[in-house]
């Protein structure tokens, strides 16, 4: 969220990325583990940086050429600094290209199926957004303000069997469990812990004449993180296909996780929306956060 609202909101950076670079956004937790051509190319680049330990995170901002030579590693999100570094490396690249000449293309020799996944055939993709509505203390800090006003983004995958259940006017238990466990989380400040099956104290969603309604109670064993909420929404079906899926979950959340520190104190209102993806956004193809390296566990009934 911080990068999206700072570095990649700077107009000149955006224009440079669109016209002078080939921008690539990845989940490095995939590429540093992938045993395939793509993973090898990424590790070649990242291995030249201070992030050369592939058992740990390699997150950051990289500039490399098509041969995999690292030109820049940076993990500072100050827009002015990033812009200056981009311009410097672009000038170096242009001057070196006249000497280096053409770089041969890379041909994909193998693909790691664990990290190259697609939405279920015949299923649905839902865009999921979460936002903390209140509870933060007032701040004049720029970065804290970004966190406090952040709108998160994830995708929810619906299987073909579940899609057909929705068409018949049923909201299947498997989908209820997936929504609760993987998507009713506060991911507005970072990567949240997903709920364990035993932490789903209650989830009940009904579907009648296209209207959704339900409630959920989530809490960890210690009781210092939880969510009590209601769900409401609308589903529309045409010619055996779900053509509209709009659902909102609104309730009181409390607590945080190792990578989502800084939540409001006590209980605070959290809203989470679900809407049908139409494939016009490239991000519609991104696997759900909760499926990382574990699609079978995420999608199973």
C-alpha atoms as a PDB file:
ATOM      1  CA  UNK A   1       0.000   0.000   0.000  1.00  0.00           C
ATOM      2  CA  UNK A   2       2.812   2.420   0.853  1.00  0.00           C
ATOM      3  CA  UNK A   3       4.518   2.019  -2.535  1.00  0.00           C
ATOM      4  CA  UNK A   4       1.258   2.315  -4.443  1.00  0.00           C
ATOM      5  CA  UNK A   5       0.366   5.542  -2.653  1.00  0.00           C
ATOM      6  CA  UNK A   6       3.842   7.072  -2.794  1.00  0.00           C
ATOM      7  CA  UNK A   7       6.471   5.853  -5.278  1.00  0.00           C
ATOM      8  CA  UNK A   8       4.051   4.626  -7.920  1.00  0.00           C
ATOM      9  CA  UNK A   9       1.744   7.601  -7.568  1.00  0.00           C
ATOM     10  CA  UNK A  10       4.490   9.987  -8.719  1.00  0.00           C
ATOM     11  CA  UNK A  11       3.499  11.037 -12.284  1.00  0.00           C
ATOM     12  CA  UNK A  12       7.031  11.173 -13.709  1.00  0.00           C
ATOM     13  CA  UNK A  13       7.872   7.718 -12.347  1.00  0.00           C
ATOM     14  CA  UNK A  14       4.673   6.332 -13.843  1.00  0.00           C
ATOM     15  CA  UNK A  15       5.457   7.899 -17.219  1.00  0.00           C
ATOM     16  CA  UNK A  16       9.013   6.514 -17.225  1.00  0.00           C
ATOM     17  CA  UNK A  17       7.752   3.039 -16.365  1.00  0.00           C
ATOM     18  CA  UNK A  18       5.209   3.202 -19.174  1.00  0.00           C
ATOM     19  CA  UNK A  19       7.583   4.518 -21.853  1.00  0.00           C
ATOM     20  CA  UNK A  20      11.213   3.677 -21.028  1.00  0.00           C
ATOM     21  CA  UNK A  21      11.095   0.528 -18.885  1.00  0.00           C
ATOM     22  CA  UNK A  22       9.385  -2.857 -18.978  1.00  0.00           C
ATOM     23  CA  UNK A  23       7.634  -2.824 -15.585  1.00  0.00           C
ATOM     24  CA  UNK A  24       7.193  -6.170 -13.840  1.00  0.00           C
ATOM     25  CA  UNK A  25       5.336  -6.594 -10.544  1.00  0.00           C
ATOM     26  CA  UNK A  26       5.745  -9.973  -8.855  1.00  0.00           C
ATOM     27  CA  UNK A  27       5.261 -11.718  -5.548  1.00  0.00           C
ATOM     28  CA  UNK A  28       8.885 -12.490  -4.774  1.00  0.00           C
ATOM     29  CA  UNK A  29       7.792 -15.301  -2.457  1.00  0.00           C
ATOM     30  CA  UNK A  30       6.913 -17.191  -5.659  1.00  0.00           C
ATOM     31  CA  UNK A  31       9.902 -16.401  -7.866  1.00  0.00           C
ATOM     32  CA  UNK A  32      12.589 -16.990  -5.253  1.00  0.00           C
ATOM     33  CA  UNK A  33      11.185 -20.503  -4.775  1.00  0.00           C
ATOM     34  CA  UNK A  34      10.215 -21.388  -8.350  1.00  0.00           C
ATOM     35  CA  UNK A  35      12.235 -24.240  -9.849  1.00  0.00           C
ATOM     36  CA  UNK A  36      11.838 -23.154 -13.443  1.00  0.00           C
ATOM     37  CA  UNK A  37      13.159 -20.754 -16.064  1.00  0.00           C
ATOM     38  CA  UNK A  38      11.420 -17.721 -14.604  1.00  0.00           C
ATOM     39  CA  UNK A  39      12.622 -18.451 -11.081  1.00  0.00           C
ATOM     40  CA  UNK A  40      16.191 -18.977 -12.258  1.00  0.00           C
ATOM     41  CA  UNK A  41      16.171 -15.636 -14.089  1.00  0.00           C
ATOM     42  CA  UNK A  42      14.785 -13.810 -11.065  1.00  0.00           C
ATOM     43  CA  UNK A  43      17.316 -15.385  -8.693  1.00  0.00           C
ATOM     44  CA  UNK A  44      20.094 -14.435 -11.085  1.00  0.00           C
ATOM     45  CA  UNK A  45      19.043 -10.796 -10.737  1.00  0.00           C
ATOM     46  CA  UNK A  46      18.255 -10.811  -7.020  1.00  0.00           C
ATOM     47  CA  UNK A  47      21.431 -12.765  -6.217  1.00  0.00           C
ATOM     48  CA  UNK A  48      23.493  -9.758  -7.253  1.00  0.00           C
ATOM     49  CA  UNK A  49      21.759  -7.584  -4.649  1.00  0.00           C
ATOM     50  CA  UNK A  50      22.009  -7.526  -0.847  1.00  0.00           C
ATOM     51  CA  UNK A  51      18.933  -9.803  -0.898  1.00  0.00           C
ATOM     52  CA  UNK A  52      20.877 -12.872  -1.998  1.00  0.00           C
ATOM     53  CA  UNK A  53      19.488 -15.198   0.701  1.00  0.00           C
ATOM     54  CA  UNK A  54      16.595 -16.948  -1.007  1.00  0.00           C
ATOM     55  CA  UNK A  55      15.415 -18.491   2.254  1.00  0.00           C
ATOM     56  CA  UNK A  56      14.360 -14.989   3.300  1.00  0.00           C
ATOM     57  CA  UNK A  57      12.473 -12.175   1.616  1.00  0.00           C
ATOM     58  CA  UNK A  58      14.019 -10.589  -1.466  1.00  0.00           C
ATOM     59  CA  UNK A  59      11.498  -7.766  -1.696  1.00  0.00           C
ATOM     60  CA  UNK A  60      12.628  -4.486  -3.144  1.00  0.00           C
ATOM     61  CA  UNK A  61      12.879  -2.422  -6.289  1.00  0.00           C
ATOM     62  CA  UNK A  62      15.197  -3.819  -8.980  1.00  0.00           C
ATOM     63  CA  UNK A  63      16.385  -2.484 -12.325  1.00  0.00           C
ATOM     64  CA  UNK A  64      18.048  -5.024 -14.619  1.00  0.00           C
ATOM     65  CA  UNK A  65      18.716  -5.496 -18.297  1.00  0.00           C
ATOM     66  CA  UNK A  66      17.398  -8.313 -20.458  1.00  0.00           C
ATOM     67  CA  UNK A  67      20.532 -10.369 -19.785  1.00  0.00           C
ATOM     68  CA  UNK A  68      19.792 -10.382 -16.067  1.00  0.00           C
ATOM     69  CA  UNK A  69      22.544  -7.954 -15.096  1.00  0.00           C
ATOM     70  CA  UNK A  70      21.494  -5.980 -12.032  1.00  0.00           C
ATOM     71  CA  UNK A  71      21.712  -2.245 -12.564  1.00  0.00           C
ATOM     72  CA  UNK A  72      20.070  -1.152  -9.313  1.00  0.00           C
ATOM     73  CA  UNK A  73      18.636  -2.512  -6.091  1.00  0.00           C
ATOM     74  CA  UNK A  74      16.727  -0.145  -3.844  1.00  0.00           C
ATOM     75  CA  UNK A  75      14.334  -0.645  -0.951  1.00  0.00           C
ATOM     76  CA  UNK A  76      13.600   3.016  -0.277  1.00  0.00           C
ATOM     77  CA  UNK A  77      10.180   4.297  -1.323  1.00  0.00           C
ATOM     78  CA  UNK A  78      10.980   8.019  -1.335  1.00  0.00           C
ATOM     79  CA  UNK A  79       9.628   9.083  -4.767  1.00  0.00           C
ATOM     80  CA  UNK A  80      12.303  11.707  -5.419  1.00  0.00           C
ATOM     81  CA  UNK A  81      15.135   9.309  -4.643  1.00  0.00           C
ATOM     82  CA  UNK A  82      13.618   6.537  -6.763  1.00  0.00           C
ATOM     83  CA  UNK A  83      13.082   8.938  -9.663  1.00  0.00           C
ATOM     84  CA  UNK A  84      16.684  10.146  -9.486  1.00  0.00           C
ATOM     85  CA  UNK A  85      18.023   6.578  -9.436  1.00  0.00           C
ATOM     86  CA  UNK A  86      15.796   5.539 -12.339  1.00  0.00           C
ATOM     87  CA  UNK A  87      17.073   8.389 -14.475  1.00  0.00           C
ATOM     88  CA  UNK A  88      20.690   7.637 -13.586  1.00  0.00           C
ATOM     89  CA  UNK A  89      20.396   3.951 -14.461  1.00  0.00           C
ATOM     90  CA  UNK A  90      18.489   4.699 -17.639  1.00  0.00           C
ATOM     91  CA  UNK A  91      21.352   6.902 -18.851  1.00  0.00           C
ATOM     92  CA  UNK A  92      23.880   4.177 -17.975  1.00  0.00           C
ATOM     93  CA  UNK A  93      21.811   1.542 -19.750  1.00  0.00           C
ATOM     94  CA  UNK A  94      21.502   3.591 -22.933  1.00  0.00           C
ATOM     95  CA  UNK A  95      25.256   4.210 -23.098  1.00  0.00           C
ATOM     96  CA  UNK A  96      26.123   0.562 -22.387  1.00  0.00           C
ATOM     97  CA  UNK A  97      23.692  -0.768 -24.999  1.00  0.00           C
ATOM     98  CA  UNK A  98      25.683   0.825 -27.815  1.00  0.00           C
ATOM     99  CA  UNK A  99      28.644  -1.322 -26.737  1.00  0.00           C
ATOM    100  CA  UNK A 100      26.878  -4.514 -25.662  1.00  0.00           C
ATOM    101  CA  UNK A 101      24.638  -4.995 -28.675  1.00  0.00           C
ATOM    102  CA  UNK A 102      21.683  -7.344 -28.935  1.00  0.00           C
ATOM    103  CA  UNK A 103      20.806  -9.695 -26.057  1.00  0.00           C
ATOM    104  CA  UNK A 104      19.403 -13.086 -27.095  1.00  0.00           C
ATOM    105  CA  UNK A 105      15.917 -13.935 -25.779  1.00  0.00           C
ATOM    106  CA  UNK A 106      15.297 -16.400 -22.989  1.00  0.00           C
ATOM    107  CA  UNK A 107      13.282 -19.471 -23.946  1.00  0.00           C
ATOM    108  CA  UNK A 108      11.112 -21.116 -21.304  1.00  0.00           C
ATOM    109  CA  UNK A 109      12.497 -24.582 -20.694  1.00  0.00           C
ATOM    110  CA  UNK A 110      10.396 -25.551 -17.674  1.00  0.00           C
ATOM    111  CA  UNK A 111       7.506 -24.235 -15.604  1.00  0.00           C
ATOM    112  CA  UNK A 112       7.004 -24.937 -11.897  1.00  0.00           C
ATOM    113  CA  UNK A 113       3.305 -25.878 -11.570  1.00  0.00           C
ATOM    114  CA  UNK A 114       3.222 -24.951  -7.867  1.00  0.00           C
ATOM    115  CA  UNK A 115       3.682 -21.282  -8.666  1.00  0.00           C
ATOM    116  CA  UNK A 116       2.107 -20.963 -12.102  1.00  0.00           C
ATOM    117  CA  UNK A 117      -1.577 -21.330 -11.365  1.00  0.00           C
ATOM    118  CA  UNK A 118      -4.782 -20.138 -12.988  1.00  0.00           C
ATOM    119  CA  UNK A 119      -8.302 -19.549 -11.661  1.00  0.00           C
ATOM    120  CA  UNK A 120     -10.502 -22.666 -11.664  1.00  0.00           C
ATOM    121  CA  UNK A 121     -11.989 -23.436 -15.074  1.00  0.00           C
ATOM    122  CA  UNK A 122     -15.698 -22.674 -15.055  1.00  0.00           C
ATOM    123  CA  UNK A 123     -15.367 -20.798 -11.777  1.00  0.00           C
ATOM    124  CA  UNK A 124     -15.369 -17.149 -10.783  1.00  0.00           C
ATOM    125  CA  UNK A 125     -12.895 -14.523  -9.658  1.00  0.00           C
ATOM    126  CA  UNK A 126     -14.045 -11.935  -7.131  1.00  0.00           C
ATOM    127  CA  UNK A 127     -12.181  -8.731  -6.356  1.00  0.00           C
ATOM    128  CA  UNK A 128     -11.817  -8.230  -2.607  1.00  0.00           C
ATOM    129  CA  UNK A 129     -11.121  -4.883  -0.935  1.00  0.00           C
ATOM    130  CA  UNK A 130     -10.797  -4.116   2.771  1.00  0.00           C
ATOM    131  CA  UNK A 131     -10.749  -0.791   4.609  1.00  0.00           C
ATOM    132  CA  UNK A 132     -10.537   0.263   8.235  1.00  0.00           C
ATOM    133  CA  UNK A 133     -13.326   2.821   8.660  1.00  0.00           C
ATOM    134  CA  UNK A 134     -12.389   4.408  11.983  1.00  0.00           C
ATOM    135  CA  UNK A 135     -10.405   4.015  15.179  1.00  0.00           C
ATOM    136  CA  UNK A 136      -6.984   5.415  14.299  1.00  0.00           C
ATOM    137  CA  UNK A 137      -5.498   8.267  16.293  1.00  0.00           C
ATOM    138  CA  UNK A 138      -5.008  11.463  14.280  1.00  0.00           C
ATOM    139  CA  UNK A 139      -1.549  11.712  12.723  1.00  0.00           C
ATOM    140  CA  UNK A 140       0.528  14.179  10.743  1.00  0.00           C
ATOM    141  CA  UNK A 141       2.978  11.457   9.702  1.00  0.00           C
ATOM    142  CA  UNK A 142       2.811  10.901   5.934  1.00  0.00           C
ATOM    143  CA  UNK A 143       3.408   7.155   6.046  1.00  0.00           C
ATOM    144  CA  UNK A 144       1.019   6.524   8.917  1.00  0.00           C
ATOM    145  CA  UNK A 145      -1.648   8.462   7.030  1.00  0.00           C
ATOM    146  CA  UNK A 146      -1.190   6.151   4.031  1.00  0.00           C
ATOM    147  CA  UNK A 147      -1.647   3.109   6.252  1.00  0.00           C
ATOM    148  CA  UNK A 148      -4.683   4.595   7.963  1.00  0.00           C
ATOM    149  CA  UNK A 149      -6.455   5.363   4.678  1.00  0.00           C
ATOM    150  CA  UNK A 150      -5.305   2.256   2.787  1.00  0.00           C
ATOM    151  CA  UNK A 151      -7.628   0.171   0.623  1.00  0.00           C
ATOM    152  CA  UNK A 152      -6.339  -3.381   0.234  1.00  0.00           C
ATOM    153  CA  UNK A 153      -6.746  -5.654  -2.806  1.00  0.00           C
ATOM    154  CA  UNK A 154      -6.988  -9.429  -3.113  1.00  0.00           C
ATOM    155  CA  UNK A 155      -8.786 -11.966  -5.292  1.00  0.00           C
ATOM    156  CA  UNK A 156     -11.165 -14.728  -4.238  1.00  0.00           C
ATOM    157  CA  UNK A 157     -11.408 -17.860  -6.375  1.00  0.00           C
ATOM    158  CA  UNK A 158     -14.704 -19.733  -6.706  1.00  0.00           C
ATOM    159  CA  UNK A 159     -14.651 -23.276  -8.091  1.00  0.00           C
ATOM    160  CA  UNK A 160     -16.878 -24.478 -10.930  1.00  0.00           C
ATOM    161  CA  UNK A 161     -18.895 -26.618  -8.509  1.00  0.00           C
ATOM    162  CA  UNK A 162     -19.439 -23.635  -6.229  1.00  0.00           C
ATOM    163  CA  UNK A 163     -20.340 -21.451  -9.197  1.00  0.00           C
ATOM    164  CA  UNK A 164     -23.058 -23.895 -10.174  1.00  0.00           C
ATOM    165  CA  UNK A 165     -24.330 -23.958  -6.589  1.00  0.00           C
ATOM    166  CA  UNK A 166     -24.692 -20.185  -6.683  1.00  0.00           C
ATOM    167  CA  UNK A 167     -26.582 -20.485  -9.975  1.00  0.00           C
ATOM    168  CA  UNK A 168     -29.010 -22.860  -8.239  1.00  0.00           C
ATOM    169  CA  UNK A 169     -29.526 -20.350  -5.434  1.00  0.00           C
ATOM    170  CA  UNK A 170     -27.264 -22.022  -2.881  1.00  0.00           C
ATOM    171  CA  UNK A 171     -24.241 -20.569  -1.079  1.00  0.00           C
ATOM    172  CA  UNK A 172     -22.086 -23.681  -0.513  1.00  0.00           C
ATOM    173  CA  UNK A 173     -20.367 -24.326   2.796  1.00  0.00           C
ATOM    174  CA  UNK A 174     -16.978 -24.706   1.112  1.00  0.00           C
ATOM    175  CA  UNK A 175     -17.232 -21.143  -0.201  1.00  0.00           C
ATOM    176  CA  UNK A 176     -18.407 -19.852   3.170  1.00  0.00           C
ATOM    177  CA  UNK A 177     -15.370 -21.397   4.819  1.00  0.00           C
ATOM    178  CA  UNK A 178     -12.962 -20.002   2.204  1.00  0.00           C
ATOM    179  CA  UNK A 179     -14.410 -16.514   2.477  1.00  0.00           C
ATOM    180  CA  UNK A 180     -14.129 -16.586   6.273  1.00  0.00           C
ATOM    181  CA  UNK A 181     -10.719 -18.202   6.590  1.00  0.00           C
ATOM    182  CA  UNK A 182      -8.762 -16.449   3.841  1.00  0.00           C
ATOM    183  CA  UNK A 183     -10.581 -13.195   3.109  1.00  0.00           C
ATOM    184  CA  UNK A 184     -12.179 -11.827   6.284  1.00  0.00           C
ATOM    185  CA  UNK A 185      -8.844 -10.415   7.387  1.00  0.00           C
ATOM    186  CA  UNK A 186      -7.394  -6.967   7.984  1.00  0.00           C
ATOM    187  CA  UNK A 187      -4.785  -6.759   5.209  1.00  0.00           C
ATOM    188  CA  UNK A 188      -4.739  -2.960   5.020  1.00  0.00           C
ATOM    189  CA  UNK A 189      -1.272  -2.588   6.595  1.00  0.00           C
ATOM    190  CA  UNK A 190       0.536  -5.681   5.291  1.00  0.00           C
ATOM    191  CA  UNK A 191       0.283  -9.463   4.994  1.00  0.00           C
ATOM    192  CA  UNK A 192      -2.191 -10.751   7.584  1.00  0.00           C
ATOM    193  CA  UNK A 193      -2.334 -14.120   9.303  1.00  0.00           C
ATOM    194  CA  UNK A 194      -5.100 -16.280   7.868  1.00  0.00           C
ATOM    195  CA  UNK A 195      -7.573 -17.884  10.223  1.00  0.00           C
ATOM    196  CA  UNK A 196      -7.108 -21.463  11.321  1.00  0.00           C
ATOM    197  CA  UNK A 197     -10.167 -23.696  10.802  1.00  0.00           C
ATOM    198  CA  UNK A 198     -10.681 -23.871  14.582  1.00  0.00           C
ATOM    199  CA  UNK A 199     -10.758 -20.057  14.751  1.00  0.00           C
ATOM    200  CA  UNK A 200     -13.909 -19.922  12.638  1.00  0.00           C
ATOM    201  CA  UNK A 201     -16.370 -19.878  15.528  1.00  0.00           C
ATOM    202  CA  UNK A 202     -19.386 -19.292  13.303  1.00  0.00           C
ATOM    203  CA  UNK A 203     -20.092 -18.602   9.648  1.00  0.00           C
ATOM    204  CA  UNK A 204     -23.545 -18.688   8.144  1.00  0.00           C
ATOM    205  CA  UNK A 205     -24.496 -17.265   4.755  1.00  0.00           C
ATOM    206  CA  UNK A 206     -27.899 -17.717   3.126  1.00  0.00           C
ATOM    207  CA  UNK A 207     -28.987 -16.964  -0.429  1.00  0.00           C
ATOM    208  CA  UNK A 208     -32.633 -16.348  -1.235  1.00  0.00           C
ATOM    209  CA  UNK A 209     -34.041 -14.834  -4.431  1.00  0.00           C
ATOM    210  CA  UNK A 210     -30.651 -13.335  -5.235  1.00  0.00           C
ATOM    211  CA  UNK A 211     -30.162 -11.699  -1.832  1.00  0.00           C
ATOM    212  CA  UNK A 212     -27.302 -12.672   0.462  1.00  0.00           C
ATOM    213  CA  UNK A 213     -27.310 -12.431   4.228  1.00  0.00           C
ATOM    214  CA  UNK A 214     -25.238 -13.872   7.009  1.00  0.00           C
ATOM    215  CA  UNK A 215     -22.941 -13.438   9.968  1.00  0.00           C
ATOM    216  CA  UNK A 216     -19.496 -14.540  11.025  1.00  0.00           C
ATOM    217  CA  UNK A 217     -17.580 -14.802  14.290  1.00  0.00           C
ATOM    218  CA  UNK A 218     -13.834 -15.307  14.159  1.00  0.00           C
ATOM    219  CA  UNK A 219     -11.362 -15.361  17.049  1.00  0.00           C
ATOM    220  CA  UNK A 220      -7.990 -16.873  17.809  1.00  0.00           C
ATOM    221  CA  UNK A 221      -7.416 -19.011  20.885  1.00  0.00           C
ATOM    222  CA  UNK A 222      -5.921 -16.176  22.923  1.00  0.00           C
ATOM    223  CA  UNK A 223      -8.838 -13.921  22.058  1.00  0.00           C
ATOM    224  CA  UNK A 224      -6.565 -11.007  21.115  1.00  0.00           C
ATOM    225  CA  UNK A 225      -7.559 -11.064  17.447  1.00  0.00           C
ATOM    226  CA  UNK A 226     -11.034 -11.528  16.042  1.00  0.00           C
ATOM    227  CA  UNK A 227     -13.865 -10.317  13.843  1.00  0.00           C
ATOM    228  CA  UNK A 228     -17.616 -10.153  14.498  1.00  0.00           C
ATOM    229  CA  UNK A 229     -19.463  -9.136  11.363  1.00  0.00           C
ATOM    230  CA  UNK A 230     -22.535  -9.353   9.170  1.00  0.00           C
ATOM    231  CA  UNK A 231     -22.658 -10.010   5.439  1.00  0.00           C
ATOM    232  CA  UNK A 232     -25.130  -8.673   2.909  1.00  0.00           C
ATOM    233  CA  UNK A 233     -25.193  -8.757  -0.866  1.00  0.00           C
ATOM    234  CA  UNK A 234     -26.831  -9.445  -4.185  1.00  0.00           C
ATOM    235  CA  UNK A 235     -26.258 -12.127  -6.839  1.00  0.00           C
ATOM    236  CA  UNK A 236     -27.677 -12.093 -10.347  1.00  0.00           C
ATOM    237  CA  UNK A 237     -27.775 -15.087 -12.688  1.00  0.00           C
ATOM    238  CA  UNK A 238     -28.334 -15.129 -16.439  1.00  0.00           C
ATOM    239  CA  UNK A 239     -28.181 -18.096 -18.810  1.00  0.00           C
ATOM    240  CA  UNK A 240     -26.646 -20.354 -16.190  1.00  0.00           C
ATOM    241  CA  UNK A 241     -23.885 -17.907 -15.243  1.00  0.00           C
ATOM    242  CA  UNK A 242     -23.379 -15.574 -12.291  1.00  0.00           C
ATOM    243  CA  UNK A 243     -23.208 -12.129 -13.910  1.00  0.00           C
ATOM    244  CA  UNK A 244     -23.300 -10.084 -10.722  1.00  0.00           C
ATOM    245  CA  UNK A 245     -21.853 -10.786  -7.301  1.00  0.00           C
ATOM    246  CA  UNK A 246     -21.765  -7.922  -4.807  1.00  0.00           C
ATOM    247  CA  UNK A 247     -21.268  -8.628  -1.122  1.00  0.00           C
ATOM    248  CA  UNK A 248     -20.156  -6.491   1.817  1.00  0.00           C
ATOM    249  CA  UNK A 249     -18.930  -7.702   5.171  1.00  0.00           C
ATOM    250  CA  UNK A 250     -19.083  -5.084   7.928  1.00  0.00           C
ATOM    251  CA  UNK A 251     -18.233  -5.563  11.566  1.00  0.00           C
ATOM    252  CA  UNK A 252     -15.895  -5.055  14.490  1.00  0.00           C
ATOM    253  CA  UNK A 253     -12.318  -6.280  14.161  1.00  0.00           C
ATOM    254  CA  UNK A 254      -9.655  -6.345  16.842  1.00  0.00           C
ATOM    255  CA  UNK A 255      -5.968  -7.212  16.974  1.00  0.00           C
ATOM    256  CA  UNK A 256      -3.203  -7.479  14.397  1.00  0.00           C
ATOM    257  CA  UNK A 257      -0.513  -9.863  13.162  1.00  0.00           C
ATOM    258  CA  UNK A 258       3.300  -9.924  12.890  1.00  0.00           C
ATOM    259  CA  UNK A 259       3.188  -8.031   9.584  1.00  0.00           C
ATOM    260  CA  UNK A 260       0.108  -5.868  10.201  1.00  0.00           C
ATOM    261  CA  UNK A 261       1.224  -3.955  13.268  1.00  0.00           C
ATOM    262  CA  UNK A 262      -0.333  -0.622  14.077  1.00  0.00           C
ATOM    263  CA  UNK A 263      -4.016  -1.524  14.172  1.00  0.00           C
ATOM    264  CA  UNK A 264      -6.343   0.794  16.084  1.00  0.00           C
ATOM    265  CA  UNK A 265      -6.544   0.060  19.789  1.00  0.00           C
ATOM    266  CA  UNK A 266      -9.444  -2.179  20.807  1.00  0.00           C
ATOM    267  CA  UNK A 267     -12.305  -2.930  18.455  1.00  0.00           C
ATOM    268  CA  UNK A 268     -12.605  -0.970  15.230  1.00  0.00           C
ATOM    269  CA  UNK A 269     -14.936  -1.048  12.205  1.00  0.00           C
ATOM    270  CA  UNK A 270     -13.645  -3.010   9.208  1.00  0.00           C
ATOM    271  CA  UNK A 271     -15.455  -3.267   5.874  1.00  0.00           C
ATOM    272  CA  UNK A 272     -14.658  -5.864   3.212  1.00  0.00           C
ATOM    273  CA  UNK A 273     -16.257  -5.871  -0.239  1.00  0.00           C
ATOM    274  CA  UNK A 274     -16.521  -8.651  -2.816  1.00  0.00           C
ATOM    275  CA  UNK A 275     -17.418  -7.952  -6.434  1.00  0.00           C
ATOM    276  CA  UNK A 276     -17.290  -9.999  -9.616  1.00  0.00           C
ATOM    277  CA  UNK A 277     -14.113  -9.477 -11.665  1.00  0.00           C
ATOM    278  CA  UNK A 278     -14.624  -8.965 -15.381  1.00  0.00           C
ATOM    279  CA  UNK A 279     -11.053  -9.661 -16.517  1.00  0.00           C
ATOM    280  CA  UNK A 280     -10.375  -6.083 -17.626  1.00  0.00           C
ATOM    281  CA  UNK A 281      -7.795  -5.566 -14.868  1.00  0.00           C
ATOM    282  CA  UNK A 282      -4.521  -7.472 -15.221  1.00  0.00           C
ATOM    283  CA  UNK A 283      -4.616  -7.958 -11.446  1.00  0.00           C
ATOM    284  CA  UNK A 284      -7.690 -10.187 -11.882  1.00  0.00           C
ATOM    285  CA  UNK A 285      -5.260 -13.001 -12.747  1.00  0.00           C
ATOM    286  CA  UNK A 286      -3.226 -12.701  -9.550  1.00  0.00           C
ATOM    287  CA  UNK A 287      -3.706 -15.745  -7.267  1.00  0.00           C
ATOM    288  CA  UNK A 288      -5.313 -15.129  -3.880  1.00  0.00           C
ATOM    289  CA  UNK A 289      -2.920 -14.216  -1.077  1.00  0.00           C
ATOM    290  CA  UNK A 290      -4.060 -17.210   0.945  1.00  0.00           C
ATOM    291  CA  UNK A 291      -3.276 -19.643  -1.893  1.00  0.00           C
ATOM    292  CA  UNK A 292       0.445 -18.829  -2.031  1.00  0.00           C
ATOM    293  CA  UNK A 293       2.175 -22.108  -2.927  1.00  0.00           C
ATOM    294  CA  UNK A 294      -0.865 -24.002  -1.632  1.00  0.00           C
ATOM    295  CA  UNK A 295      -3.702 -23.736  -4.139  1.00  0.00           C
ATOM    296  CA  UNK A 296      -5.058 -27.193  -3.344  1.00  0.00           C
ATOM    297  CA  UNK A 297      -5.470 -26.299   0.322  1.00  0.00           C
ATOM    298  CA  UNK A 298      -7.067 -22.986  -0.557  1.00  0.00           C
ATOM    299  CA  UNK A 299      -9.612 -24.272  -3.074  1.00  0.00           C
ATOM    300  CA  UNK A 300     -10.491 -27.658  -1.613  1.00  0.00           C
ATOM    301  CA  UNK A 301     -14.049 -28.081  -0.331  1.00  0.00           C
END
